[in-house]
């Protein structure tokens, strides 16, 4: 059983003209030519894997001047300034 679905697509004017021209040249319907073009495009492109995001470099800066787990130490340093 073949099921057809109607849908609305927004197609660039130049591309639409090219599809209509090809349909006329091949004496086929616009739907047939469009479906063939979509099938070809879907099968031609193989899914590509996205590269893993690059990790930013990290640098050893030594012991931190402030231990941020204790707010009292932060207030003490800020009060000195």
Protein backbone atom coordinates (compact mmCIF):
# COMPACT_ATOMS: atom_id res chain seq x y z
CA UNK A 1 0.00 0.00 0.00
CA UNK A 2 1.45 3.35 -1.06
CA UNK A 3 0.57 6.32 1.08
CA UNK A 4 1.02 9.82 -0.26
CA UNK A 5 1.21 12.85 1.96
CA UNK A 6 0.56 16.39 0.87
CA UNK A 7 2.73 19.04 2.42
CA UNK A 8 3.74 22.62 1.84
CA UNK A 9 7.37 23.51 1.21
CA UNK A 10 8.94 26.90 0.85
CA UNK A 11 11.33 26.66 -2.11
CA UNK A 12 13.62 29.34 -3.45
CA UNK A 13 12.29 30.84 -6.74
CA UNK A 14 15.38 29.90 -8.76
CA UNK A 15 15.27 26.31 -7.50
CA UNK A 16 11.54 26.08 -8.24
CA UNK A 17 12.10 27.27 -11.81
CA UNK A 18 14.87 24.70 -12.24
CA UNK A 19 12.60 21.92 -10.96
CA UNK A 20 9.79 22.97 -13.30
CA UNK A 21 12.19 23.15 -16.26
CA UNK A 22 13.56 19.67 -15.53
CA UNK A 23 10.03 18.28 -15.17
CA UNK A 24 9.07 19.73 -18.56
CA UNK A 25 12.25 18.41 -20.22
CA UNK A 26 11.65 14.93 -18.84
CA UNK A 27 7.87 15.08 -19.40
CA UNK A 28 7.28 14.23 -15.75
CA UNK A 29 5.30 15.88 -13.01
CA UNK A 30 6.84 18.42 -10.70
CA UNK A 31 6.10 16.08 -7.79
CA UNK A 32 8.02 13.20 -9.40
CA UNK A 33 11.06 15.34 -10.15
CA UNK A 34 11.04 16.87 -6.66
CA UNK A 35 10.71 13.46 -4.99
CA UNK A 36 13.59 12.06 -7.04
CA UNK A 37 15.77 15.05 -6.15
CA UNK A 38 14.96 14.64 -2.46
CA UNK A 39 15.65 10.89 -2.55
CA UNK A 40 18.95 11.45 -4.33
CA UNK A 41 19.97 14.12 -1.84
CA UNK A 42 19.07 11.99 1.16
CA UNK A 43 20.90 8.90 -0.07
CA UNK A 44 23.94 10.75 -1.38
CA UNK A 45 24.87 12.34 1.91
CA UNK A 46 26.06 9.98 4.53
CA UNK A 47 25.68 11.11 8.12
CA UNK A 48 28.86 12.63 9.43
CA UNK A 49 30.02 12.35 12.97
CA UNK A 50 30.55 15.59 14.73
CA UNK A 51 34.07 16.02 16.02
CA UNK A 52 34.45 16.08 19.76
CA UNK A 53 34.75 19.61 21.09
CA UNK A 54 38.30 20.63 21.81
CA UNK A 55 39.25 20.84 25.47
CA UNK A 56 40.65 24.20 26.46
CA UNK A 57 44.14 24.03 27.89
CA UNK A 58 44.55 24.04 31.65
CA UNK A 59 47.50 25.39 33.58
CA UNK A 60 48.78 24.60 37.06
CA UNK A 61 48.74 27.92 38.88
CA UNK A 62 49.84 26.67 42.26
CA UNK A 63 47.88 26.88 45.46
CA UNK A 64 44.95 29.32 45.29
CA UNK A 65 45.20 32.43 47.45
CA UNK A 66 41.63 32.02 48.64
CA UNK A 67 39.66 28.93 49.54
CA UNK A 68 36.25 29.81 48.16
CA UNK A 69 34.53 27.18 50.27
CA UNK A 70 34.67 29.54 53.28
CA UNK A 71 33.01 32.92 52.84
CA UNK A 72 34.58 34.31 56.01
CA UNK A 73 38.01 34.13 54.42
CA UNK A 74 36.73 36.03 51.36
CA UNK A 75 35.26 38.79 53.54
CA UNK A 76 38.51 39.03 55.49
CA UNK A 77 40.55 39.54 52.31
CA UNK A 78 38.08 42.09 50.93
CA UNK A 79 38.13 44.05 54.20
CA UNK A 80 41.92 44.39 53.94
CA UNK A 81 41.57 46.42 50.73
